[in-house]
């Protein structure tokens, strides 16, 4: 299953190359006791495949609904922690861009000799 998914995603991205910037998101769903459970949304294929494998293993073992919910709860907590970490990184990078723009401002409207950098939004 994981290799088939990887191949499908790579093929789809190759076919769409240059046409758009796809924002792929991955979710695993499983049905337990007539209820559909979902893993948190992931933009990382490898994380999604790992989550899928974990749930598949639990289902094969005949795990109770509560055990599946516990596993999904851990996945949600890890996902939220990663999101906080990514937000902090984005904030730091935005601060660096602000500093670079400030340092690269030139006076009198023209670039100084030897400068061939420009930052724009």
Foldseek 3Di string as FASTA:
>chain_A
DLVVVVVVVVVVCVVCPPVDDDQDWDKDWDADPNDIDIADIDSDSVLRVVLVVVLVVCVVVVHHPVVNVVSSVVRVVVVVVVVVVVVVVVVVVVVVVVVVVVVQDDPPPDHDPPDDDDDDD
